[in-house]
C-alpha cells in the first residue's frame, strides 16, 4: 500500500468514525425533551464563559454542568495560567464547583457541556464523577478523548459509559480557538 493510499484509508476511516457521532447526535434530537435547542442554548452560554479565559492568557475553553432540571450547578473555564495549575481545565473546575454545590462527588443525572472535546484527564474525571452525558462543540484532533484520538468516555472495558453528543455549535467553538491561537502567533 502506498503512502497516499494509506493516508486516504485513514482519512476515510476517521470520517466514518465521526459520522457515527453526527448520526447519533441527529437521531438523539427527537428523543430527549428540549433536545438540540437546549444543548445549543447551553453551548451559547459556554461560549460566553470561554471568552473570559483569554484575559488571563488561558485557552478559551469552558464547561458548564447542568442538573436534570436544567439548572446550572457548575461553571468553569480554563485557568491553568491563572492558577499555575496544570489540572485547572474547564471541565475539572466545573466538576469541582458542582460537587461542592451538591455536596457529593456523584454527579449522576447531569449533563456536562464543553466547548472543546475533553482530554484524557478530563474524561477520567467525568467518568469518576459518574456524569452520564457530555455535549461538546469542537473536536480536539490532537488530544481529544471522546472520539477523535481516543474514546475513553465509551470504552467498553470501563465500568461507566457516557453518552456523547458532539458537534453542537462546532463552527463557533472552533472559531473561538482559531482566533485565540492566531492572535498568539
N, C-alpha and C. Protein backbone atom coordinates (compact mmCIF):
# COMPACT_ATOMS: atom_id res chain seq x y z
N UNK A 1 0.85 -1.17 0.00
CA UNK A 1 0.00 0.00 0.00
C UNK A 1 0.90 1.24 0.00
N UNK A 2 0.62 2.15 -0.91
CA UNK A 2 1.39 3.39 -0.99
C UNK A 2 1.00 4.34 0.14
N UNK A 3 1.89 5.30 0.42
CA UNK A 3 1.64 6.26 1.49
C UNK A 3 0.36 7.04 1.24
N UNK A 4 0.15 7.50 0.01
CA UNK A 4 -1.05 8.26 -0.32
C UNK A 4 -2.31 7.45 -0.12
N UNK A 5 -2.26 6.18 -0.53
CA UNK A 5 -3.42 5.30 -0.37
C UNK A 5 -3.70 5.05 1.11
N UNK A 6 -2.62 4.85 1.89
CA UNK A 6 -2.77 4.65 3.34
C UNK A 6 -3.41 5.88 3.98
N UNK A 7 -2.94 7.07 3.61
CA UNK A 7 -3.48 8.31 4.16
C UNK A 7 -4.97 8.45 3.84
N UNK A 8 -5.36 8.11 2.59
CA UNK A 8 -6.77 8.18 2.21
C UNK A 8 -7.60 7.20 3.03
N UNK A 9 -7.06 5.99 3.26
CA UNK A 9 -7.77 4.98 4.04
C UNK A 9 -8.00 5.46 5.47
N UNK A 10 -6.95 6.03 6.08
CA UNK A 10 -7.06 6.56 7.44
C UNK A 10 -8.07 7.71 7.48
N UNK A 11 -8.00 8.60 6.47
CA UNK A 11 -8.91 9.74 6.42
C UNK A 11 -10.36 9.26 6.32
N UNK A 12 -10.62 8.28 5.45
CA UNK A 12 -11.99 7.78 5.29
C UNK A 12 -12.48 7.09 6.55
N UNK A 13 -11.59 6.36 7.23
CA UNK A 13 -11.97 5.72 8.50
C UNK A 13 -12.33 6.77 9.53
N UNK A 14 -11.57 7.86 9.58
CA UNK A 14 -11.83 8.94 10.52
C UNK A 14 -13.17 9.60 10.21
N UNK A 15 -13.44 9.83 8.94
CA UNK A 15 -14.70 10.45 8.56
C UNK A 15 -15.87 9.54 8.94
N UNK A 16 -15.75 8.23 8.67
CA UNK A 16 -16.81 7.30 9.05
C UNK A 16 -17.02 7.30 10.56
N UNK A 17 -15.90 7.34 11.32
CA UNK A 17 -15.97 7.35 12.78
C UNK A 17 -16.72 8.59 13.26
N UNK A 18 -16.39 9.74 12.70
CA UNK A 18 -17.05 10.98 13.12
C UNK A 18 -18.51 11.01 12.69
N UNK A 19 -18.83 10.43 11.55
CA UNK A 19 -20.21 10.41 11.09
C UNK A 19 -21.08 9.60 12.05
N UNK A 20 -20.48 8.61 12.71
CA UNK A 20 -21.23 7.84 13.71
C UNK A 20 -21.73 8.79 14.79
N UNK A 21 -20.87 9.71 15.22
CA UNK A 21 -21.27 10.67 16.24
C UNK A 21 -22.31 11.64 15.70
N UNK A 22 -22.10 12.11 14.49
CA UNK A 22 -23.04 13.05 13.91
C UNK A 22 -24.41 12.40 13.76
N UNK A 23 -24.43 11.17 13.26
CA UNK A 23 -25.71 10.48 13.09
C UNK A 23 -26.37 10.18 14.42
N UNK A 24 -25.60 9.80 15.44
CA UNK A 24 -26.21 9.55 16.74
C UNK A 24 -26.74 10.86 17.32
N UNK A 25 -26.05 11.95 17.06
CA UNK A 25 -26.50 13.26 17.52
C UNK A 25 -27.82 13.62 16.84
N UNK A 26 -27.89 13.41 15.53
CA UNK A 26 -29.12 13.73 14.81
C UNK A 26 -30.27 12.86 15.28
N UNK A 27 -30.01 11.59 15.49
CA UNK A 27 -31.06 10.68 15.95
C UNK A 27 -31.53 11.07 17.35
N UNK A 28 -30.64 11.64 18.12
CA UNK A 28 -30.93 11.99 19.50
C UNK A 28 -31.92 13.15 19.61
N UNK A 29 -31.96 14.02 18.61
CA UNK A 29 -32.79 15.22 18.66
C UNK A 29 -34.21 14.93 19.08
N UNK A 30 -34.80 13.92 18.50
CA UNK A 30 -36.21 13.67 18.74
C UNK A 30 -36.50 12.90 20.01
N UNK A 31 -35.48 12.40 20.70
CA UNK A 31 -35.71 11.52 21.82
C UNK A 31 -35.58 12.17 23.19
N UNK A 32 -35.06 13.34 23.29
CA UNK A 32 -34.87 13.98 24.58
C UNK A 32 -35.65 15.28 24.60
N UNK A 33 -36.38 15.50 25.66
CA UNK A 33 -37.15 16.73 25.78
C UNK A 33 -36.19 17.92 25.74
N UNK A 34 -36.51 18.93 24.98
CA UNK A 34 -35.63 20.07 24.82
C UNK A 34 -34.65 19.85 23.68
N UNK A 35 -34.13 18.64 23.61
CA UNK A 35 -33.25 18.22 22.52
C UNK A 35 -32.17 19.21 22.16
N UNK A 36 -31.95 19.34 20.86
CA UNK A 36 -30.83 20.12 20.35
C UNK A 36 -30.95 21.59 20.72
N UNK A 37 -32.15 22.13 20.78
CA UNK A 37 -32.29 23.55 21.12
C UNK A 37 -31.75 23.85 22.51
N UNK A 38 -32.01 22.95 23.44
CA UNK A 38 -31.50 23.14 24.80
C UNK A 38 -29.97 23.06 24.81
N UNK A 39 -29.41 22.10 24.07
CA UNK A 39 -27.96 21.97 24.01
C UNK A 39 -27.33 23.19 23.34
N UNK A 40 -27.97 23.71 22.31
CA UNK A 40 -27.45 24.90 21.64
C UNK A 40 -27.49 26.11 22.58
N UNK A 41 -28.57 26.22 23.35
CA UNK A 41 -28.68 27.32 24.32
C UNK A 41 -27.56 27.21 25.36
N UNK A 42 -27.36 26.02 25.87
CA UNK A 42 -26.30 25.80 26.86
C UNK A 42 -24.92 26.06 26.26
N UNK A 43 -24.73 25.66 25.00
CA UNK A 43 -23.43 25.88 24.36
C UNK A 43 -23.18 27.37 24.15
N UNK A 44 -24.23 28.13 23.87
CA UNK A 44 -24.09 29.58 23.74
C UNK A 44 -23.60 30.18 25.07
N UNK A 45 -24.15 29.67 26.17
CA UNK A 45 -23.70 30.11 27.50
C UNK A 45 -22.24 29.71 27.72
N UNK A 46 -21.87 28.52 27.30
CA UNK A 46 -20.49 28.05 27.45
C UNK A 46 -19.52 28.90 26.63
N UNK A 47 -19.93 29.27 25.43
CA UNK A 47 -19.08 30.13 24.59
C UNK A 47 -18.84 31.48 25.26
N UNK A 48 -19.87 32.04 25.88
CA UNK A 48 -19.71 33.32 26.60
C UNK A 48 -18.72 33.15 27.76
N UNK A 49 -18.80 32.03 28.47
CA UNK A 49 -17.87 31.75 29.56
C UNK A 49 -16.45 31.56 29.04
N UNK A 50 -16.31 30.89 27.91
CA UNK A 50 -14.98 30.64 27.33
C UNK A 50 -14.26 31.93 26.97
N UNK A 51 -15.01 32.94 26.62
CA UNK A 51 -14.41 34.22 26.23
C UNK A 51 -13.76 34.93 27.41
N UNK A 52 -13.97 34.46 28.63
CA UNK A 52 -13.33 35.04 29.81
C UNK A 52 -11.89 34.55 29.99
N UNK A 53 -11.59 33.38 29.48
CA UNK A 53 -10.28 32.75 29.70
C UNK A 53 -9.09 33.51 29.11
N UNK A 54 -9.17 34.04 27.89
CA UNK A 54 -8.00 34.72 27.32
C UNK A 54 -7.50 35.92 28.12
N UNK A 55 -8.35 36.52 28.94
CA UNK A 55 -7.93 37.68 29.74
C UNK A 55 -6.77 37.32 30.67
N UNK A 56 -6.67 36.04 31.04
CA UNK A 56 -5.58 35.60 31.92
C UNK A 56 -4.53 34.79 31.15
N UNK A 57 -4.65 34.78 29.82
CA UNK A 57 -3.70 34.04 29.00
C UNK A 57 -4.07 32.58 28.80
N UNK A 58 -5.25 32.20 29.27
CA UNK A 58 -5.68 30.81 29.14
C UNK A 58 -6.41 30.57 27.82
N UNK A 59 -6.36 29.33 27.36
CA UNK A 59 -7.05 28.92 26.14
C UNK A 59 -8.56 29.03 26.38
N UNK A 60 -9.31 29.61 25.42
CA UNK A 60 -10.75 29.83 25.62
C UNK A 60 -11.59 28.56 25.51
N UNK A 61 -11.62 27.81 26.59
CA UNK A 61 -12.45 26.61 26.70
C UNK A 61 -13.28 26.77 27.96
N UNK A 62 -14.56 26.39 27.88
CA UNK A 62 -15.44 26.47 29.05
C UNK A 62 -16.26 25.20 29.16
N UNK A 63 -16.69 24.94 30.40
CA UNK A 63 -17.54 23.79 30.70
C UNK A 63 -18.63 24.23 31.66
N UNK A 64 -19.85 23.79 31.40
CA UNK A 64 -20.98 24.06 32.27
C UNK A 64 -21.63 22.73 32.61
N UNK A 65 -22.01 22.56 33.87
CA UNK A 65 -22.66 21.32 34.30
C UNK A 65 -24.08 21.65 34.72
N UNK A 66 -25.04 20.91 34.15
CA UNK A 66 -26.46 21.13 34.41
C UNK A 66 -27.06 19.90 35.08
N UNK A 67 -27.97 20.14 36.04
CA UNK A 67 -28.66 19.01 36.67
C UNK A 67 -29.84 18.59 35.80
N UNK A 68 -30.57 17.59 36.24
CA UNK A 68 -31.65 17.05 35.42
C UNK A 68 -32.79 18.05 35.19
N UNK A 69 -32.90 19.07 36.03
CA UNK A 69 -33.92 20.11 35.84
C UNK A 69 -33.45 21.21 34.90
N UNK A 70 -32.20 21.11 34.43
CA UNK A 70 -31.66 22.12 33.54
C UNK A 70 -31.05 23.30 34.26
N UNK A 71 -30.85 23.17 35.56
CA UNK A 71 -30.26 24.24 36.35
C UNK A 71 -28.74 24.09 36.34
N UNK A 72 -28.04 25.21 36.14
CA UNK A 72 -26.58 25.16 36.11
C UNK A 72 -26.06 24.98 37.54
N UNK A 73 -25.25 23.93 37.74
CA UNK A 73 -24.69 23.66 39.06
C UNK A 73 -23.17 23.79 39.10
N UNK A 74 -22.55 23.93 37.93
CA UNK A 74 -21.10 24.10 37.89
C UNK A 74 -20.69 24.86 36.64
N UNK A 75 -19.72 25.75 36.82
CA UNK A 75 -19.22 26.58 35.71
C UNK A 75 -17.71 26.62 35.80
N UNK A 76 -17.07 26.51 34.66
CA UNK A 76 -15.61 26.64 34.65
C UNK A 76 -15.09 27.03 33.29
N UNK A 77 -13.99 27.75 33.30
CA UNK A 77 -13.23 27.98 32.08
C UNK A 77 -11.77 27.68 32.42
N UNK A 78 -10.96 27.48 31.39
CA UNK A 78 -9.57 27.15 31.64
C UNK A 78 -8.92 28.19 32.54
N UNK A 79 -8.18 27.69 33.55
CA UNK A 79 -7.49 28.58 34.49
C UNK A 79 -6.07 28.11 34.77
N UNK A 80 -5.48 27.38 33.83
CA UNK A 80 -4.14 26.84 34.05
C UNK A 80 -3.11 27.95 34.24
N UNK A 81 -3.17 28.98 33.42
CA UNK A 81 -2.22 30.09 33.55
C UNK A 81 -2.52 30.91 34.80
N UNK A 82 -3.78 31.19 35.02
CA UNK A 82 -4.21 31.98 36.16
C UNK A 82 -3.81 31.33 37.49
N UNK A 83 -4.06 30.03 37.60
CA UNK A 83 -3.82 29.32 38.86
C UNK A 83 -2.46 28.62 38.90
N UNK A 84 -1.72 28.67 37.80
CA UNK A 84 -0.45 27.93 37.68
C UNK A 84 -0.67 26.47 38.08
N UNK A 85 -1.77 25.92 37.56
CA UNK A 85 -2.19 24.56 37.89
C UNK A 85 -2.48 23.80 36.61
N UNK A 86 -1.69 22.77 36.30
CA UNK A 86 -1.91 22.03 35.06
C UNK A 86 -3.23 21.27 35.01
N UNK A 87 -3.88 21.08 36.15
CA UNK A 87 -5.17 20.37 36.17
C UNK A 87 -6.37 21.32 36.11
N UNK A 88 -6.14 22.62 36.01
CA UNK A 88 -7.25 23.59 36.03
C UNK A 88 -7.89 23.75 34.66
N UNK A 89 -8.27 22.61 34.07
CA UNK A 89 -9.03 22.63 32.82
C UNK A 89 -10.47 23.01 33.15
N UNK A 90 -11.18 23.51 32.16
CA UNK A 90 -12.56 23.96 32.36
C UNK A 90 -13.44 22.88 32.97
N UNK A 91 -13.29 21.64 32.50
CA UNK A 91 -14.13 20.54 32.99
C UNK A 91 -13.88 20.27 34.47
N UNK A 92 -12.62 20.27 34.87
CA UNK A 92 -12.24 19.99 36.25
C UNK A 92 -12.79 21.10 37.16
N UNK A 93 -12.65 22.34 36.73
CA UNK A 93 -13.15 23.48 37.51
C UNK A 93 -14.66 23.36 37.69
N UNK A 94 -15.39 23.05 36.61
CA UNK A 94 -16.85 22.93 36.69
C UNK A 94 -17.28 21.74 37.55
N UNK A 95 -16.58 20.62 37.42
CA UNK A 95 -16.91 19.43 38.21
C UNK A 95 -16.68 19.70 39.70
N UNK A 96 -15.57 20.34 40.02
CA UNK A 96 -15.30 20.66 41.44
C UNK A 96 -16.37 21.59 42.01
N UNK A 97 -16.75 22.61 41.24
CA UNK A 97 -17.77 23.54 41.72
C UNK A 97 -19.10 22.82 41.93
N UNK A 98 -19.48 21.97 40.99
CA UNK A 98 -20.75 21.25 41.11
C UNK A 98 -20.73 20.29 42.30
N UNK A 99 -19.64 19.57 42.49
CA UNK A 99 -19.53 18.62 43.61
C UNK A 99 -19.65 19.37 44.94
N UNK A 100 -18.99 20.52 45.03
CA UNK A 100 -19.10 21.33 46.25
C UNK A 100 -20.53 21.84 46.45
N UNK A 101 -21.16 22.23 45.36
CA UNK A 101 -22.52 22.78 45.46
C UNK A 101 -23.54 21.73 45.90
N UNK A 102 -23.45 20.52 45.33
CA UNK A 102 -24.44 19.49 45.67
C UNK A 102 -24.00 18.65 46.87
N UNK A 103 -22.75 18.79 47.29
CA UNK A 103 -22.27 18.07 48.46
C UNK A 103 -21.96 16.61 48.22
N UNK A 104 -21.67 16.26 46.97
CA UNK A 104 -21.35 14.87 46.64
C UNK A 104 -20.51 14.83 45.37
N UNK A 105 -19.62 13.84 45.31
CA UNK A 105 -18.84 13.66 44.08
C UNK A 105 -19.62 12.87 43.04
N UNK A 106 -20.73 12.27 43.42
CA UNK A 106 -21.60 11.57 42.47
C UNK A 106 -22.46 12.60 41.75
N UNK A 107 -22.15 12.87 40.51
CA UNK A 107 -22.88 13.87 39.74
C UNK A 107 -23.78 13.18 38.70
N UNK A 108 -24.53 12.20 39.18
CA UNK A 108 -25.44 11.45 38.31
C UNK A 108 -26.59 12.34 37.87
N UNK A 109 -27.20 12.01 36.76
CA UNK A 109 -28.33 12.77 36.21
C UNK A 109 -27.95 14.20 35.87
N UNK A 110 -26.73 14.37 35.35
CA UNK A 110 -26.27 15.69 34.95
C UNK A 110 -25.81 15.65 33.49
N UNK A 111 -25.63 16.84 32.93
CA UNK A 111 -25.10 16.98 31.57
C UNK A 111 -23.97 18.00 31.62
N UNK A 112 -22.82 17.59 31.10
CA UNK A 112 -21.66 18.48 31.02
C UNK A 112 -21.55 19.01 29.60
N UNK A 113 -21.56 20.33 29.46
CA UNK A 113 -21.48 20.99 28.15
C UNK A 113 -20.11 21.66 28.07
N UNK A 114 -19.34 21.30 27.03
CA UNK A 114 -17.95 21.77 26.90
C UNK A 114 -17.74 22.32 25.49
N UNK A 115 -17.00 23.39 25.38
CA UNK A 115 -16.76 23.97 24.05
C UNK A 115 -15.75 23.16 23.24
N UNK A 116 -14.92 22.35 23.89
CA UNK A 116 -13.91 21.54 23.20
C UNK A 116 -13.97 20.12 23.73
N UNK A 117 -13.80 19.16 22.86
CA UNK A 117 -13.76 17.74 23.25
C UNK A 117 -12.80 17.56 24.43
N UNK A 118 -13.21 16.83 25.46
CA UNK A 118 -12.35 16.67 26.64
C UNK A 118 -11.09 15.85 26.36
N UNK A 119 -10.04 16.17 27.11
CA UNK A 119 -8.78 15.43 27.03
C UNK A 119 -8.89 14.17 27.91
N UNK A 120 -7.83 13.39 27.94
CA UNK A 120 -7.84 12.15 28.72
C UNK A 120 -8.03 12.41 30.22
N UNK A 121 -7.36 13.41 30.75
CA UNK A 121 -7.50 13.73 32.17
C UNK A 121 -8.95 14.09 32.50
N UNK A 122 -9.53 14.94 31.68
CA UNK A 122 -10.91 15.37 31.94
C UNK A 122 -11.90 14.24 31.71
N UNK A 123 -11.64 13.40 30.73
CA UNK A 123 -12.51 12.24 30.51
C UNK A 123 -12.49 11.33 31.73
N UNK A 124 -11.31 11.15 32.33
CA UNK A 124 -11.22 10.35 33.55
C UNK A 124 -12.01 10.96 34.69
N UNK A 125 -11.94 12.27 34.83
CA UNK A 125 -12.70 12.96 35.87
C UNK A 125 -14.20 12.84 35.63
N UNK A 126 -14.62 12.92 34.37
CA UNK A 126 -16.03 12.78 34.01
C UNK A 126 -16.53 11.39 34.42
N UNK A 127 -15.74 10.37 34.12
CA UNK A 127 -16.11 9.00 34.50
C UNK A 127 -16.15 8.84 36.01
N UNK A 128 -15.17 9.37 36.71
CA UNK A 128 -15.11 9.24 38.16
C UNK A 128 -16.28 9.95 38.84
N UNK A 129 -16.73 11.05 38.25
CA UNK A 129 -17.85 11.81 38.82
C UNK A 129 -19.20 11.20 38.43
N UNK A 130 -19.18 10.18 37.59
CA UNK A 130 -20.40 9.48 37.15
C UNK A 130 -21.33 10.38 36.33
N UNK A 131 -20.75 11.32 35.60
CA UNK A 131 -21.53 12.20 34.73
C UNK A 131 -22.00 11.37 33.53
N UNK A 132 -23.30 11.26 33.31
CA UNK A 132 -23.79 10.35 32.27
C UNK A 132 -23.83 10.92 30.85
N UNK A 133 -23.74 12.25 30.69
CA UNK A 133 -23.88 12.83 29.36
C UNK A 133 -22.91 13.98 29.18
N UNK A 134 -22.22 13.98 28.04
CA UNK A 134 -21.31 15.06 27.67
C UNK A 134 -21.72 15.59 26.30
N UNK A 135 -21.85 16.90 26.23
CA UNK A 135 -22.15 17.59 24.98
C UNK A 135 -20.95 18.49 24.71
N UNK A 136 -20.34 18.34 23.53
CA UNK A 136 -19.21 19.25 23.24
C UNK A 136 -19.33 19.84 21.84
N UNK A 137 -18.59 20.93 21.66
CA UNK A 137 -18.62 21.66 20.39
C UNK A 137 -17.57 21.20 19.41
N UNK A 138 -16.35 21.69 19.59
CA UNK A 138 -15.27 21.42 18.63
C UNK A 138 -14.52 20.12 18.97
N UNK A 139 -14.08 19.44 17.94
CA UNK A 139 -13.24 18.25 18.09
C UNK A 139 -11.82 18.69 18.41
N UNK A 140 -11.12 17.90 19.21
CA UNK A 140 -9.70 18.15 19.51
C UNK A 140 -8.89 17.04 18.84
N UNK A 141 -8.40 17.34 17.65
CA UNK A 141 -7.69 16.34 16.84
C UNK A 141 -6.33 15.94 17.42
N UNK A 142 -5.83 16.69 18.40
CA UNK A 142 -4.52 16.38 18.99
C UNK A 142 -4.62 15.63 20.31
N UNK A 143 -5.63 15.94 21.11
CA UNK A 143 -5.68 15.35 22.46
C UNK A 143 -7.08 14.94 22.89
N UNK A 144 -8.01 14.83 21.98
CA UNK A 144 -9.39 14.50 22.34
C UNK A 144 -9.54 13.07 22.82
N UNK A 145 -10.39 12.90 23.85
CA UNK A 145 -10.60 11.57 24.42
C UNK A 145 -12.08 11.19 24.43
N UNK A 146 -12.83 11.76 23.46
CA UNK A 146 -14.25 11.42 23.34
C UNK A 146 -14.57 11.02 21.90
N UNK A 147 -13.56 10.51 21.20
CA UNK A 147 -13.81 10.02 19.86
C UNK A 147 -12.81 10.39 18.79
N UNK A 148 -12.07 11.48 18.95
CA UNK A 148 -11.16 11.86 17.86
C UNK A 148 -9.83 11.10 17.94
N UNK A 149 -9.14 11.18 19.06
CA UNK A 149 -7.87 10.46 19.23
C UNK A 149 -8.11 9.18 20.02
N UNK A 150 -8.77 9.32 21.14
CA UNK A 150 -9.17 8.20 21.99
C UNK A 150 -10.67 8.29 22.24
N UNK A 151 -11.23 7.22 22.80
CA UNK A 151 -12.64 7.27 23.18
C UNK A 151 -12.79 6.70 24.59
N UNK A 152 -12.22 7.41 25.54
CA UNK A 152 -12.22 6.98 26.94
C UNK A 152 -13.63 6.95 27.50
N UNK A 153 -14.46 7.90 27.12
CA UNK A 153 -15.79 8.01 27.70
C UNK A 153 -16.70 6.83 27.39
N UNK A 154 -16.44 6.14 26.29
CA UNK A 154 -17.29 5.00 25.92
C UNK A 154 -16.50 3.70 25.80
N UNK A 155 -15.37 3.64 26.46
CA UNK A 155 -14.55 2.43 26.43
C UNK A 155 -15.31 1.30 27.13
N UNK A 156 -15.61 0.26 26.41
CA UNK A 156 -16.44 -0.82 26.97
C UNK A 156 -15.74 -1.60 28.07
N UNK A 157 -14.42 -1.42 28.22
CA UNK A 157 -13.70 -2.11 29.29
C UNK A 157 -13.88 -1.42 30.64
N UNK A 158 -14.38 -0.20 30.62
CA UNK A 158 -14.56 0.56 31.86
C UNK A 158 -15.98 0.36 32.40
N UNK A 159 -16.15 0.50 33.72
CA UNK A 159 -17.47 0.23 34.31
C UNK A 159 -18.53 1.28 34.03
N UNK A 160 -18.14 2.49 33.65
CA UNK A 160 -19.11 3.56 33.42
C UNK A 160 -19.02 4.02 31.98
N UNK A 161 -20.15 4.25 31.37
CA UNK A 161 -20.22 4.74 29.99
C UNK A 161 -20.90 6.10 30.00
N UNK A 162 -20.50 6.92 29.06
CA UNK A 162 -21.03 8.27 28.95
C UNK A 162 -21.65 8.43 27.56
N UNK A 163 -22.83 9.02 27.53
CA UNK A 163 -23.45 9.37 26.25
C UNK A 163 -22.75 10.63 25.75
N UNK A 164 -22.27 10.60 24.52
CA UNK A 164 -21.53 11.72 23.96
C UNK A 164 -22.32 12.31 22.80
N UNK A 165 -22.55 13.62 22.87
CA UNK A 165 -23.22 14.36 21.81
C UNK A 165 -22.21 15.39 21.32
N UNK A 166 -21.74 15.22 20.11
CA UNK A 166 -20.65 16.03 19.58
C UNK A 166 -21.13 17.01 18.52
N UNK A 167 -20.37 18.08 18.34
CA UNK A 167 -20.59 19.00 17.24
C UNK A 167 -21.65 20.06 17.46
N UNK A 168 -22.06 20.30 18.70
CA UNK A 168 -23.04 21.35 18.95
C UNK A 168 -22.33 22.70 18.85
N UNK A 169 -22.77 23.50 17.90
CA UNK A 169 -22.15 24.81 17.61
C UNK A 169 -20.65 24.64 17.36
N UNK A 170 -20.32 23.59 16.63
CA UNK A 170 -18.92 23.24 16.37
C UNK A 170 -18.16 24.38 15.71
N UNK A 171 -18.73 25.01 14.70
CA UNK A 171 -18.03 26.08 13.98
C UNK A 171 -17.69 27.25 14.90
N UNK A 172 -18.65 27.65 15.74
CA UNK A 172 -18.40 28.77 16.65
C UNK A 172 -17.33 28.43 17.68
N UNK A 173 -17.38 27.21 18.19
CA UNK A 173 -16.38 26.77 19.18
C UNK A 173 -14.99 26.71 18.56
N UNK A 174 -14.90 26.16 17.36
CA UNK A 174 -13.61 26.06 16.68
C UNK A 174 -13.07 27.44 16.32
N UNK A 175 -13.95 28.34 15.89
CA UNK A 175 -13.53 29.69 15.52
C UNK A 175 -12.94 30.44 16.70
N UNK A 176 -13.53 30.29 17.87
CA UNK A 176 -13.01 30.94 19.08
C UNK A 176 -11.58 30.49 19.36
N UNK A 177 -11.33 29.20 19.23
CA UNK A 177 -9.97 28.67 19.45
C UNK A 177 -9.01 29.14 18.36
N UNK A 178 -9.46 29.13 17.11
CA UNK A 178 -8.62 29.57 15.99
C UNK A 178 -8.21 31.02 16.17
N UNK A 179 -9.16 31.87 16.53
CA UNK A 179 -8.85 33.29 16.75
C UNK A 179 -7.83 33.46 17.86
N UNK A 180 -7.99 32.71 18.94
CA UNK A 180 -7.06 32.79 20.07
C UNK A 180 -5.64 32.42 19.65
N UNK A 181 -5.49 31.30 18.97
CA UNK A 181 -4.17 30.84 18.58
C UNK A 181 -3.55 31.69 17.47
N UNK A 182 -4.37 32.22 16.56
CA UNK A 182 -3.85 33.14 15.55
C UNK A 182 -3.32 34.41 16.18
N UNK A 183 -3.98 34.92 17.18
CA UNK A 183 -3.53 36.12 17.89
C UNK A 183 -2.22 35.87 18.64
N UNK A 184 -2.00 34.62 19.06
CA UNK A 184 -0.76 34.27 19.79
C UNK A 184 0.46 34.24 18.87
N UNK A 185 0.21 34.00 17.58
CA UNK A 185 1.33 33.85 16.62
C UNK A 185 1.88 35.15 16.16
